[in-house]
Amino acid sequence: MKTNFIMAAALTIVMLTGCTNGPDNGKQETESVTAAVSFDEVLKSRRSVRSYDATKTITEAEVRELLVATQEAPSWANQQPTKYYVAMTPEKVEAVSNLIGERNKQNVAGAPVLIVSTYEKGKSGFFNGQAANEVGDGWGAYDNGLSNCYFILAARAKGYDTLIIGGRDSDELRKLFGIPESEAIMAVLALGYRADEPRQPTHRPIDEVVQFS
C-alpha cells in the first residue's frame, strides 16, 4: 500500500512537471520527486506544535491551497457544512490570539495565520429539516473534524505545522468575524512553521481501542 502511494504520488508530480519547458526541466522533475513525502511520513511527522518560528510567513495563496484541499473531505450527503474564517494581518491575528486564553496565546505566538473553523447547523445529519438520528448536529461537528483533519495533513505535507485549539471565546470570535448564529464555532487552527522539534507523544496500545469480532 505504501509503495503504491509513493509511486502514484511520484507519477503525478512527474506528469505535472513534465508540462514545463526549458533546459532545467529534467532537474525540476528530479527535485520535485525527491521532495515528495509518503502519507506515512506525513502522519508520523505531524504534531500539535506549540512553538512557532516568527521569522517565517505564509501567503494567502498558500493558505488558499490548503483550504481547497479540505473540500475533498467527505461530509454527510455532501452537505459541506464547514466554513473557515482566516486571520492573516498582524492586527487580526493578535485579536484572535487574545480570545483563546493566555496559555494558548503563548502556544501560538509566532504563528502567522489563525483560522476559525465553523459548521452550518441543521445540514449534516438532517433530512428535510429533521434529524436523521439521535446524533443530530453532532454530524456537523463530525464533518467539521474531517475537514480540519484534511487541513492539518495537507499542511504537514507542504511543510507547515498546526495546532487545533478548543479553548476560545466563541461570542467574541463571532463578533470579530461577523459569524452568523446559524454556524457553530468549533476550533481555532494555528498555522505556521515549528521553531523546534515537538516531542513524540505516547499512544494507547491498539488493543485498548480496537475490537475485532
N, C-alpha and C. Protein backbone atom coordinates (compact mmCIF):
# COMPACT_ATOMS: atom_id res chain seq x y z
N MET A 1 0.84 -1.20 0.00
CA MET A 1 0.00 0.00 0.00
C MET A 1 0.87 1.25 0.00
N LYS A 2 1.90 1.28 0.89
CA LYS A 2 2.77 2.44 0.97
C LYS A 2 3.52 2.64 -0.33
N THR A 3 4.03 1.52 -0.91
CA THR A 3 4.77 1.61 -2.17
C THR A 3 3.89 2.14 -3.28
N ASN A 4 2.64 1.66 -3.37
CA ASN A 4 1.72 2.13 -4.40
C ASN A 4 1.44 3.62 -4.25
N PHE A 5 1.30 4.08 -3.00
CA PHE A 5 1.03 5.50 -2.77
C PHE A 5 2.19 6.35 -3.25
N ILE A 6 3.42 5.94 -2.90
CA ILE A 6 4.59 6.71 -3.29
C ILE A 6 4.74 6.75 -4.80
N MET A 7 4.51 5.59 -5.46
CA MET A 7 4.63 5.53 -6.92
C MET A 7 3.59 6.42 -7.58
N ALA A 8 2.36 6.42 -7.04
CA ALA A 8 1.30 7.26 -7.61
C ALA A 8 1.62 8.73 -7.43
N ALA A 9 2.11 9.08 -6.25
CA ALA A 9 2.45 10.48 -5.98
C ALA A 9 3.58 10.93 -6.88
N ALA A 10 4.59 10.07 -7.05
CA ALA A 10 5.73 10.43 -7.90
C ALA A 10 5.30 10.59 -9.35
N LEU A 11 4.42 9.69 -9.83
CA LEU A 11 3.94 9.77 -11.20
C LEU A 11 3.17 11.05 -11.44
N THR A 12 2.33 11.44 -10.47
CA THR A 12 1.56 12.68 -10.60
C THR A 12 2.48 13.88 -10.70
N ILE A 13 3.51 13.92 -9.87
CA ILE A 13 4.44 15.05 -9.88
C ILE A 13 5.20 15.11 -11.20
N VAL A 14 5.63 13.95 -11.69
CA VAL A 14 6.35 13.91 -12.97
C VAL A 14 5.47 14.41 -14.10
N MET A 15 4.18 14.01 -14.08
CA MET A 15 3.26 14.45 -15.12
C MET A 15 3.08 15.96 -15.08
N LEU A 16 2.97 16.52 -13.85
CA LEU A 16 2.78 17.97 -13.72
C LEU A 16 4.02 18.73 -14.14
N THR A 17 5.19 18.28 -13.69
CA THR A 17 6.41 19.00 -14.03
C THR A 17 6.80 18.77 -15.48
N GLY A 18 6.28 17.71 -16.08
CA GLY A 18 6.59 17.43 -17.48
C GLY A 18 6.01 18.47 -18.41
N CYS A 19 5.08 19.29 -17.93
CA CYS A 19 4.49 20.33 -18.76
C CYS A 19 5.38 21.56 -18.83
N THR A 20 6.48 21.58 -18.05
CA THR A 20 7.37 22.73 -18.03
C THR A 20 8.44 22.56 -19.08
N ASN A 21 8.61 23.56 -19.94
CA ASN A 21 9.62 23.51 -20.98
C ASN A 21 10.87 24.24 -20.53
N GLY A 22 12.02 23.86 -21.04
CA GLY A 22 13.25 24.57 -20.73
C GLY A 22 14.35 23.60 -20.42
N PRO A 23 15.61 24.08 -20.41
CA PRO A 23 16.76 23.22 -20.22
C PRO A 23 16.83 22.60 -18.83
N ASP A 24 16.17 23.19 -17.83
CA ASP A 24 16.23 22.65 -16.47
C ASP A 24 15.07 21.72 -16.15
N ASN A 25 14.31 21.34 -17.18
CA ASN A 25 13.10 20.55 -16.93
C ASN A 25 13.41 19.25 -16.20
N GLY A 26 14.43 18.55 -16.64
CA GLY A 26 14.80 17.29 -16.01
C GLY A 26 15.19 17.47 -14.56
N LYS A 27 15.92 18.55 -14.28
CA LYS A 27 16.33 18.85 -12.92
C LYS A 27 15.13 19.13 -12.05
N GLN A 28 14.14 19.86 -12.58
CA GLN A 28 12.94 20.20 -11.83
C GLN A 28 12.17 18.94 -11.47
N GLU A 29 12.09 18.00 -12.41
CA GLU A 29 11.37 16.76 -12.15
C GLU A 29 12.03 16.00 -11.01
N THR A 30 13.36 15.90 -11.05
CA THR A 30 14.09 15.17 -10.03
C THR A 30 13.90 15.79 -8.66
N GLU A 31 13.99 17.13 -8.59
CA GLU A 31 13.84 17.81 -7.32
C GLU A 31 12.43 17.64 -6.78
N SER A 32 11.42 17.66 -7.66
CA SER A 32 10.03 17.52 -7.22
C SER A 32 9.77 16.15 -6.64
N VAL A 33 10.28 15.11 -7.33
CA VAL A 33 10.06 13.75 -6.85
C VAL A 33 10.79 13.54 -5.53
N THR A 34 12.00 14.10 -5.42
CA THR A 34 12.76 13.95 -4.19
C THR A 34 12.04 14.61 -3.02
N ALA A 35 11.37 15.75 -3.30
CA ALA A 35 10.69 16.49 -2.24
C ALA A 35 9.40 15.82 -1.79
N ALA A 36 8.87 14.89 -2.60
CA ALA A 36 7.62 14.24 -2.26
C ALA A 36 7.79 13.39 -1.00
N VAL A 37 6.77 13.37 -0.15
CA VAL A 37 6.81 12.55 1.05
C VAL A 37 5.66 11.58 1.02
N SER A 38 5.83 10.45 1.67
CA SER A 38 4.77 9.46 1.71
C SER A 38 3.71 9.86 2.71
N PHE A 39 2.54 9.26 2.58
CA PHE A 39 1.46 9.54 3.51
C PHE A 39 1.84 9.11 4.91
N ASP A 40 2.55 7.99 5.04
CA ASP A 40 3.00 7.53 6.35
C ASP A 40 3.90 8.57 7.01
N GLU A 41 4.76 9.19 6.22
CA GLU A 41 5.66 10.21 6.77
C GLU A 41 4.89 11.44 7.23
N VAL A 42 3.84 11.80 6.48
CA VAL A 42 3.00 12.92 6.89
C VAL A 42 2.35 12.63 8.23
N LEU A 43 1.81 11.42 8.39
CA LEU A 43 1.15 11.03 9.63
C LEU A 43 2.13 11.04 10.81
N LYS A 44 3.32 10.51 10.59
CA LYS A 44 4.28 10.39 11.68
C LYS A 44 4.93 11.71 12.07
N SER A 45 5.05 12.63 11.12
CA SER A 45 5.73 13.89 11.43
C SER A 45 4.78 14.99 11.88
N ARG A 46 3.46 14.78 11.66
CA ARG A 46 2.51 15.81 12.10
C ARG A 46 2.43 15.81 13.62
N ARG A 47 2.54 16.97 14.19
CA ARG A 47 2.46 17.13 15.63
C ARG A 47 1.62 18.36 15.97
N SER A 48 1.10 18.40 17.17
CA SER A 48 0.46 19.62 17.67
C SER A 48 1.58 20.53 18.14
N VAL A 49 1.88 21.53 17.33
CA VAL A 49 3.05 22.37 17.56
C VAL A 49 2.68 23.58 18.42
N ARG A 50 3.47 23.82 19.45
CA ARG A 50 3.22 24.91 20.39
C ARG A 50 4.39 25.88 20.49
N SER A 51 5.20 25.91 19.43
CA SER A 51 6.33 26.83 19.37
C SER A 51 6.60 27.13 17.90
N TYR A 52 6.34 28.39 17.47
CA TYR A 52 6.41 28.75 16.05
C TYR A 52 7.54 29.73 15.74
N ASP A 53 8.08 29.59 14.53
CA ASP A 53 9.14 30.45 14.04
C ASP A 53 8.53 31.74 13.51
N ALA A 54 8.69 32.82 14.25
CA ALA A 54 8.06 34.10 13.89
C ALA A 54 8.71 34.76 12.68
N THR A 55 9.86 34.25 12.23
CA THR A 55 10.54 34.86 11.08
C THR A 55 10.00 34.36 9.75
N LYS A 56 9.16 33.32 9.80
CA LYS A 56 8.63 32.73 8.57
C LYS A 56 7.17 33.12 8.36
N THR A 57 6.83 33.44 7.13
CA THR A 57 5.47 33.87 6.81
C THR A 57 4.81 32.89 5.85
N ILE A 58 3.51 33.03 5.69
CA ILE A 58 2.72 32.20 4.78
C ILE A 58 1.82 33.15 3.99
N THR A 59 1.72 32.92 2.68
CA THR A 59 0.93 33.81 1.83
C THR A 59 -0.53 33.38 1.79
N GLU A 60 -1.37 34.30 1.34
CA GLU A 60 -2.79 33.97 1.18
C GLU A 60 -2.97 32.84 0.18
N ALA A 61 -2.18 32.86 -0.89
CA ALA A 61 -2.28 31.81 -1.90
C ALA A 61 -1.96 30.45 -1.31
N GLU A 62 -1.00 30.38 -0.41
CA GLU A 62 -0.63 29.11 0.21
C GLU A 62 -1.73 28.63 1.15
N VAL A 63 -2.33 29.53 1.90
CA VAL A 63 -3.45 29.15 2.77
C VAL A 63 -4.63 28.70 1.93
N ARG A 64 -4.88 29.42 0.86
CA ARG A 64 -6.00 29.06 -0.02
C ARG A 64 -5.83 27.65 -0.58
N GLU A 65 -4.60 27.30 -0.93
CA GLU A 65 -4.34 25.95 -1.45
C GLU A 65 -4.69 24.88 -0.43
N LEU A 66 -4.38 25.13 0.83
CA LEU A 66 -4.71 24.17 1.89
C LEU A 66 -6.22 24.07 2.08
N LEU A 67 -6.91 25.20 2.01
CA LEU A 67 -8.35 25.18 2.20
C LEU A 67 -9.06 24.52 1.03
N VAL A 68 -8.50 24.65 -0.16
CA VAL A 68 -9.06 23.93 -1.31
C VAL A 68 -8.97 22.43 -1.07
N ALA A 69 -7.88 21.99 -0.44
CA ALA A 69 -7.70 20.56 -0.14
C ALA A 69 -8.79 20.06 0.80
N THR A 70 -9.28 20.92 1.70
CA THR A 70 -10.31 20.48 2.64
C THR A 70 -11.62 20.17 1.94
N GLN A 71 -11.81 20.70 0.74
CA GLN A 71 -13.06 20.45 0.02
C GLN A 71 -13.16 19.02 -0.48
N GLU A 72 -12.05 18.28 -0.39
CA GLU A 72 -12.08 16.85 -0.75
C GLU A 72 -12.56 15.99 0.41
N ALA A 73 -12.69 16.59 1.59
CA ALA A 73 -13.14 15.82 2.76
C ALA A 73 -14.58 15.38 2.59
N PRO A 74 -14.91 14.16 3.02
CA PRO A 74 -16.30 13.70 2.91
C PRO A 74 -17.19 14.41 3.91
N SER A 75 -18.47 14.51 3.60
CA SER A 75 -19.44 15.07 4.54
C SER A 75 -20.80 14.41 4.29
N TRP A 76 -21.66 14.51 5.29
CA TRP A 76 -22.99 13.89 5.23
C TRP A 76 -23.73 14.40 3.98
N ALA A 77 -24.10 13.47 3.09
CA ALA A 77 -24.84 13.80 1.86
C ALA A 77 -24.19 14.96 1.10
N ASN A 78 -22.88 15.07 1.23
CA ASN A 78 -22.12 16.13 0.56
C ASN A 78 -22.64 17.52 0.93
N GLN A 79 -23.06 17.68 2.18
CA GLN A 79 -23.58 18.97 2.63
C GLN A 79 -22.50 20.04 2.77
N GLN A 80 -21.25 19.61 2.98
CA GLN A 80 -20.12 20.53 3.09
C GLN A 80 -20.42 21.69 4.06
N PRO A 81 -20.67 21.38 5.32
CA PRO A 81 -21.09 22.41 6.27
C PRO A 81 -19.97 23.27 6.84
N THR A 82 -18.72 22.87 6.64
CA THR A 82 -17.61 23.57 7.27
C THR A 82 -17.27 24.88 6.57
N LYS A 83 -17.00 25.91 7.38
CA LYS A 83 -16.57 27.20 6.86
C LYS A 83 -15.34 27.66 7.66
N TYR A 84 -14.53 28.49 7.02
CA TYR A 84 -13.29 28.95 7.65
C TYR A 84 -13.19 30.48 7.59
N TYR A 85 -12.72 31.06 8.68
CA TYR A 85 -12.50 32.50 8.78
C TYR A 85 -11.02 32.71 9.09
N VAL A 86 -10.31 33.30 8.15
CA VAL A 86 -8.85 33.34 8.20
C VAL A 86 -8.33 34.70 8.67
N ALA A 87 -7.53 34.69 9.72
CA ALA A 87 -6.87 35.90 10.21
C ALA A 87 -5.41 35.85 9.76
N MET A 88 -5.00 36.86 8.96
CA MET A 88 -3.64 36.89 8.45
C MET A 88 -2.91 38.20 8.74
N THR A 89 -3.64 39.30 8.83
CA THR A 89 -2.98 40.56 9.16
C THR A 89 -2.54 40.51 10.61
N PRO A 90 -1.44 41.18 10.96
CA PRO A 90 -0.97 41.16 12.35
C PRO A 90 -2.05 41.58 13.34
N GLU A 91 -2.86 42.57 12.94
CA GLU A 91 -3.91 43.05 13.83
C GLU A 91 -4.97 41.99 14.08
N LYS A 92 -5.37 41.31 13.01
CA LYS A 92 -6.42 40.29 13.14
C LYS A 92 -5.90 39.07 13.90
N VAL A 93 -4.66 38.68 13.61
CA VAL A 93 -4.06 37.54 14.31
C VAL A 93 -3.98 37.84 15.80
N GLU A 94 -3.57 39.04 16.15
CA GLU A 94 -3.48 39.41 17.56
C GLU A 94 -4.87 39.41 18.21
N ALA A 95 -5.87 39.91 17.47
CA ALA A 95 -7.23 39.94 18.00
C ALA A 95 -7.72 38.53 18.32
N VAL A 96 -7.45 37.58 17.42
CA VAL A 96 -7.87 36.19 17.65
C VAL A 96 -7.09 35.59 18.80
N SER A 97 -5.79 35.85 18.85
CA SER A 97 -4.96 35.26 19.90
C SER A 97 -5.38 35.75 21.29
N ASN A 98 -6.00 36.91 21.35
CA ASN A 98 -6.49 37.44 22.62
C ASN A 98 -7.79 36.78 23.07
N LEU A 99 -8.34 35.92 22.21
CA LEU A 99 -9.63 35.29 22.51
C LEU A 99 -9.53 33.78 22.71
N ILE A 100 -8.31 33.28 22.89
CA ILE A 100 -8.13 31.83 23.03
C ILE A 100 -7.50 31.45 24.38
N GLY A 101 -7.40 32.40 25.29
CA GLY A 101 -6.82 32.11 26.60
C GLY A 101 -5.32 32.36 26.61
N GLU A 102 -4.80 32.71 27.77
CA GLU A 102 -3.39 33.10 27.88
C GLU A 102 -2.44 31.96 27.52
N ARG A 103 -2.76 30.76 27.97
CA ARG A 103 -1.89 29.60 27.67
C ARG A 103 -1.82 29.34 26.17
N ASN A 104 -2.97 29.33 25.52
CA ASN A 104 -2.99 29.10 24.08
C ASN A 104 -2.34 30.25 23.33
N LYS A 105 -2.51 31.47 23.82
CA LYS A 105 -1.88 32.63 23.18
C LYS A 105 -0.37 32.46 23.16
N GLN A 106 0.19 31.97 24.25
CA GLN A 106 1.63 31.72 24.29
C GLN A 106 2.02 30.60 23.32
N ASN A 107 1.15 29.59 23.22
CA ASN A 107 1.45 28.44 22.35
C ASN A 107 1.52 28.83 20.88
N VAL A 108 0.70 29.81 20.47
CA VAL A 108 0.63 30.16 19.05
C VAL A 108 1.45 31.41 18.71
N ALA A 109 2.17 31.95 19.69
CA ALA A 109 2.99 33.13 19.43
C ALA A 109 3.96 32.82 18.28
N GLY A 110 3.97 33.67 17.28
CA GLY A 110 4.84 33.46 16.12
C GLY A 110 4.15 32.82 14.94
N ALA A 111 2.98 32.22 15.16
CA ALA A 111 2.22 31.63 14.05
C ALA A 111 1.63 32.76 13.21
N PRO A 112 1.88 32.80 11.91
CA PRO A 112 1.41 33.91 11.08
C PRO A 112 -0.06 33.86 10.70
N VAL A 113 -0.70 32.70 10.91
CA VAL A 113 -2.10 32.53 10.50
C VAL A 113 -2.90 31.85 11.61
N LEU A 114 -4.08 32.41 11.91
CA LEU A 114 -5.02 31.77 12.82
C LEU A 114 -6.36 31.69 12.10
N ILE A 115 -6.97 30.52 12.16
CA ILE A 115 -8.20 30.27 11.39
C ILE A 115 -9.30 29.77 12.32
N VAL A 116 -10.45 30.39 12.23
CA VAL A 116 -11.62 29.94 12.99
C VAL A 116 -12.43 28.98 12.12
N SER A 117 -12.69 27.81 12.65
CA SER A 117 -13.42 26.77 11.92
C SER A 117 -14.83 26.64 12.47
N THR A 118 -15.82 26.67 11.58
CA THR A 118 -17.23 26.57 11.99
C THR A 118 -17.95 25.54 11.12
N TYR A 119 -19.17 25.21 11.52
CA TYR A 119 -20.02 24.42 10.63
C TYR A 119 -21.44 24.98 10.67
N GLU A 120 -22.12 24.88 9.54
CA GLU A 120 -23.50 25.35 9.44
C GLU A 120 -24.42 24.34 10.09
N LYS A 121 -25.21 24.78 11.04
CA LYS A 121 -26.09 23.89 11.79
C LYS A 121 -27.30 23.47 10.94
N GLY A 122 -27.83 22.30 11.26
CA GLY A 122 -29.04 21.82 10.59
C GLY A 122 -28.83 21.28 9.19
N LYS A 123 -27.59 20.99 8.81
CA LYS A 123 -27.32 20.45 7.47
C LYS A 123 -26.90 18.99 7.57
N SER A 124 -25.68 18.73 8.02
CA SER A 124 -25.24 17.35 8.17
C SER A 124 -26.05 16.67 9.27
N GLY A 125 -26.58 15.48 8.96
CA GLY A 125 -27.38 14.75 9.93
C GLY A 125 -28.87 15.04 9.87
N PHE A 126 -29.28 15.81 8.86
CA PHE A 126 -30.68 16.20 8.74
C PHE A 126 -31.23 15.88 7.36
N PHE A 127 -32.50 15.50 7.32
CA PHE A 127 -33.24 15.33 6.07
C PHE A 127 -34.54 16.11 6.19
N ASN A 128 -34.77 17.02 5.27
CA ASN A 128 -35.99 17.84 5.28
C ASN A 128 -36.19 18.54 6.62
N GLY A 129 -35.09 19.00 7.20
CA GLY A 129 -35.16 19.74 8.45
C GLY A 129 -35.29 18.90 9.69
N GLN A 130 -35.34 17.57 9.54
CA GLN A 130 -35.48 16.67 10.69
C GLN A 130 -34.19 15.87 10.88
N ALA A 131 -33.79 15.73 12.14
CA ALA A 131 -32.59 14.96 12.45
C ALA A 131 -32.78 13.51 12.02
N ALA A 132 -31.80 12.96 11.34
CA ALA A 132 -31.89 11.59 10.84
C ALA A 132 -31.75 10.57 11.95
N ASN A 133 -31.03 10.92 13.00
CA ASN A 133 -30.90 10.02 14.15
C ASN A 133 -30.55 10.84 15.39
N GLU A 134 -30.24 10.15 16.49
CA GLU A 134 -30.05 10.84 17.77
C GLU A 134 -28.83 11.75 17.80
N VAL A 135 -27.92 11.61 16.85
CA VAL A 135 -26.70 12.42 16.86
C VAL A 135 -26.98 13.87 16.45
N GLY A 136 -27.95 14.04 15.56
CA GLY A 136 -28.34 15.38 15.14
C GLY A 136 -27.18 16.22 14.62
N ASP A 137 -27.03 17.43 15.18
CA ASP A 137 -25.97 18.33 14.72
C ASP A 137 -24.57 17.82 15.05
N GLY A 138 -24.51 16.73 15.82
CA GLY A 138 -23.20 16.12 16.06
C GLY A 138 -22.53 15.71 14.76
N TRP A 139 -23.35 15.43 13.73
CA TRP A 139 -22.79 15.08 12.43
C TRP A 139 -22.12 16.29 11.77
N GLY A 140 -22.61 17.48 12.07
CA GLY A 140 -21.95 18.68 11.57
C GLY A 140 -20.57 18.83 12.19
N ALA A 141 -20.49 18.57 13.51
CA ALA A 141 -19.21 18.61 14.20
C ALA A 141 -18.28 17.53 13.65
N TYR A 142 -18.84 16.36 13.37
CA TYR A 142 -18.07 15.26 12.80
C TYR A 142 -17.47 15.66 11.46
N ASP A 143 -18.30 16.22 10.60
CA ASP A 143 -17.82 16.64 9.28
C ASP A 143 -16.80 17.77 9.39
N ASN A 144 -17.01 18.66 10.37
CA ASN A 144 -16.04 19.72 10.60
C ASN A 144 -14.68 19.14 10.98
N GLY A 145 -14.71 18.12 11.83
CA GLY A 145 -13.47 17.46 12.22
C GLY A 145 -12.76 16.81 11.05
N LEU A 146 -13.54 16.19 10.16
CA LEU A 146 -12.94 15.58 8.97
C LEU A 146 -12.28 16.64 8.10
N SER A 147 -12.95 17.77 7.93
CA SER A 147 -12.40 18.85 7.13
C SER A 147 -11.12 19.38 7.76
N ASN A 148 -11.14 19.58 9.07
CA ASN A 148 -9.96 20.05 9.77
C ASN A 148 -8.81 19.06 9.66
N CYS A 149 -9.15 17.78 9.68
CA CYS A 149 -8.13 16.74 9.54
C CYS A 149 -7.44 16.85 8.18
N TYR A 150 -8.23 17.04 7.13
CA TYR A 150 -7.64 17.22 5.81
C TYR A 150 -6.72 18.44 5.81
N PHE A 151 -7.14 19.48 6.51
CA PHE A 151 -6.35 20.71 6.55
C PHE A 151 -4.99 20.48 7.20
N ILE A 152 -4.97 19.86 8.37
CA ILE A 152 -3.70 19.70 9.08
C ILE A 152 -2.78 18.71 8.39
N LEU A 153 -3.34 17.71 7.71
CA LEU A 153 -2.50 16.76 6.99
C LEU A 153 -1.95 17.40 5.70
N ALA A 154 -2.78 18.15 5.01
CA ALA A 154 -2.31 18.85 3.81
C ALA A 154 -1.23 19.86 4.20
N ALA A 155 -1.42 20.52 5.33
CA ALA A 155 -0.44 21.48 5.81
C ALA A 155 0.90 20.80 6.08
N ARG A 156 0.85 19.67 6.75
CA ARG A 156 2.10 18.97 7.06
C ARG A 156 2.78 18.48 5.79
N ALA A 157 2.01 18.02 4.82
CA ALA A 157 2.59 17.55 3.56
C ALA A 157 3.32 18.68 2.84
N LYS A 158 2.90 19.92 3.09
CA LYS A 158 3.53 21.09 2.47
C LYS A 158 4.65 21.66 3.34
N GLY A 159 4.87 21.05 4.51
CA GLY A 159 5.95 21.52 5.38
C GLY A 159 5.54 22.48 6.46
N TYR A 160 4.22 22.73 6.60
CA TYR A 160 3.73 23.63 7.65
C TYR A 160 3.39 22.83 8.91
N ASP A 161 3.10 23.57 9.97
CA ASP A 161 2.70 22.95 11.23
C ASP A 161 1.43 23.60 11.75
N THR A 162 0.74 22.88 12.61
CA THR A 162 -0.58 23.32 13.06
C THR A 162 -0.82 23.01 14.53
N LEU A 163 -1.82 23.68 15.07
CA LEU A 163 -2.32 23.37 16.41
C LEU A 163 -3.82 23.60 16.40
N ILE A 164 -4.58 22.63 16.87
CA ILE A 164 -6.03 22.75 16.97
C ILE A 164 -6.38 23.19 18.39
N ILE A 165 -7.08 24.31 18.50
CA ILE A 165 -7.37 24.90 19.80
C ILE A 165 -8.87 24.87 20.07
N GLY A 166 -9.25 24.24 21.17
CA GLY A 166 -10.66 24.17 21.53
C GLY A 166 -11.10 25.26 22.50
N GLY A 167 -10.16 25.75 23.30
CA GLY A 167 -10.47 26.81 24.25
C GLY A 167 -10.51 28.16 23.55
N ARG A 168 -11.69 28.79 23.50
CA ARG A 168 -11.82 30.07 22.80
C ARG A 168 -13.10 30.75 23.25
N ASP A 169 -13.15 32.07 23.07
CA ASP A 169 -14.34 32.85 23.39
C ASP A 169 -15.19 32.93 22.13
N SER A 170 -16.14 32.03 22.00
CA SER A 170 -16.92 31.94 20.76
C SER A 170 -17.75 33.20 20.50
N ASP A 171 -18.27 33.81 21.57
CA ASP A 171 -19.10 35.01 21.39
C ASP A 171 -18.29 36.15 20.79
N GLU A 172 -17.08 36.35 21.30
CA GLU A 172 -16.24 37.43 20.79
C GLU A 172 -15.70 37.11 19.40
N LEU A 173 -15.40 35.86 19.14
CA LEU A 173 -14.96 35.47 17.79
C LEU A 173 -16.09 35.70 16.79
N ARG A 174 -17.30 35.42 17.21
CA ARG A 174 -18.46 35.63 16.34
C ARG A 174 -18.57 37.11 15.96
N LYS A 175 -18.37 37.99 16.95
CA LYS A 175 -18.41 39.41 16.69
C LYS A 175 -17.25 39.86 15.79
N LEU A 176 -16.08 39.33 16.06
CA LEU A 176 -14.87 39.73 15.33
C LEU A 176 -14.97 39.45 13.84
N PHE A 177 -15.54 38.29 13.49
CA PHE A 177 -15.63 37.90 12.08
C PHE A 177 -17.03 38.06 11.49
N GLY A 178 -17.99 38.44 12.30
CA GLY A 178 -19.35 38.54 11.81
C GLY A 178 -19.93 37.18 11.47
N ILE A 179 -19.63 36.20 12.29
CA ILE A 179 -20.11 34.83 12.06
C ILE A 179 -21.58 34.73 12.47
N PRO A 180 -22.45 34.27 11.60
CA PRO A 180 -23.88 34.21 11.92
C PRO A 180 -24.20 33.14 12.96
N GLU A 181 -25.32 33.31 13.64
CA GLU A 181 -25.74 32.36 14.67
C GLU A 181 -26.08 30.99 14.08
N SER A 182 -26.29 30.93 12.77
CA SER A 182 -26.60 29.67 12.12
C SER A 182 -25.37 28.76 12.02
N GLU A 183 -24.22 29.27 12.42
CA GLU A 183 -22.99 28.48 12.39
C GLU A 183 -22.49 28.23 13.81
N ALA A 184 -22.06 27.00 14.07
CA ALA A 184 -21.46 26.65 15.36
C ALA A 184 -19.95 26.83 15.25
N ILE A 185 -19.38 27.59 16.16
CA ILE A 185 -17.93 27.79 16.17
C ILE A 185 -17.28 26.61 16.87
N MET A 186 -16.35 25.98 16.18
CA MET A 186 -15.67 24.82 16.75
C MET A 186 -14.27 25.20 17.22
N ALA A 187 -13.28 25.07 16.36
CA ALA A 187 -11.89 25.23 16.77
C ALA A 187 -11.24 26.46 16.16
N VAL A 188 -10.12 26.85 16.75
CA VAL A 188 -9.21 27.81 16.14
C VAL A 188 -7.97 27.03 15.73
N LEU A 189 -7.56 27.18 14.49
CA LEU A 189 -6.41 26.46 13.96
C LEU A 189 -5.24 27.41 13.78
N ALA A 190 -4.11 27.08 14.38
CA ALA A 190 -2.89 27.86 14.18
C ALA A 190 -2.12 27.22 13.02
N LEU A 191 -1.53 28.07 12.17
CA LEU A 191 -0.76 27.58 11.02
C LEU A 191 0.56 28.34 10.95
N GLY A 192 1.65 27.61 10.86
CA GLY A 192 2.96 28.24 10.77
C GLY A 192 4.05 27.21 10.59
N TYR A 193 5.25 27.55 11.06
CA TYR A 193 6.40 26.65 10.98
C TYR A 193 6.95 26.41 12.39
N ARG A 194 7.22 25.16 12.69
CA ARG A 194 7.74 24.82 14.01
C ARG A 194 9.08 25.50 14.27
N ALA A 195 9.26 25.98 15.51
CA ALA A 195 10.52 26.61 15.89
C ALA A 195 11.50 25.56 16.41
N ASP A 196 10.98 24.46 16.91
CA ASP A 196 11.81 23.35 17.36
C ASP A 196 11.02 22.06 17.21
N GLU A 197 11.67 20.96 17.44
CA GLU A 197 11.02 19.67 17.25
C GLU A 197 10.14 19.32 18.45
N PRO A 198 8.84 19.14 18.23
CA PRO A 198 7.95 18.75 19.34
C PRO A 198 8.21 17.31 19.75
N ARG A 199 7.91 17.01 20.99
CA ARG A 199 8.16 15.66 21.48
C ARG A 199 7.16 14.67 20.90
N GLN A 200 7.58 13.43 20.86
CA GLN A 200 6.73 12.34 20.38
C GLN A 200 5.79 11.91 21.50
N PRO A 201 4.48 12.03 21.33
CA PRO A 201 3.57 11.62 22.40
C PRO A 201 3.44 10.10 22.45
N THR A 202 3.03 9.61 23.60
CA THR A 202 2.78 8.17 23.71
C THR A 202 1.35 7.88 23.28
N HIS A 203 1.12 6.69 22.80
CA HIS A 203 -0.21 6.30 22.35
C HIS A 203 -0.68 5.06 23.10
N ARG A 204 -1.96 4.95 23.27
CA ARG A 204 -2.53 3.78 23.92
C ARG A 204 -2.29 2.55 23.07
N PRO A 205 -2.10 1.39 23.68
CA PRO A 205 -1.96 0.15 22.91
C PRO A 205 -3.18 -0.04 22.01
N ILE A 206 -2.95 -0.50 20.81
CA ILE A 206 -4.03 -0.62 19.83
C ILE A 206 -5.15 -1.51 20.33
N ASP A 207 -4.82 -2.54 21.11
CA ASP A 207 -5.86 -3.45 21.60
C ASP A 207 -6.78 -2.82 22.64
N GLU A 208 -6.40 -1.66 23.17
CA GLU A 208 -7.26 -0.97 24.11
C GLU A 208 -8.33 -0.15 23.40
N VAL A 209 -8.12 0.13 22.14
CA VAL A 209 -9.06 0.99 21.41
C VAL A 209 -9.71 0.32 20.21
N VAL A 210 -9.32 -0.92 19.94
CA VAL A 210 -9.88 -1.63 18.80
C VAL A 210 -10.43 -2.98 19.24
N GLN A 211 -11.58 -3.31 18.72
CA GLN A 211 -12.17 -4.64 18.99
C GLN A 211 -12.52 -5.30 17.66
N PHE A 212 -12.01 -6.49 17.47
CA PHE A 212 -12.33 -7.27 16.28
C PHE A 212 -13.32 -8.37 16.65
N SER A 213 -14.26 -8.66 15.74
CA SER A 213 -15.20 -9.73 16.03
C SER A 213 -15.60 -10.42 14.72
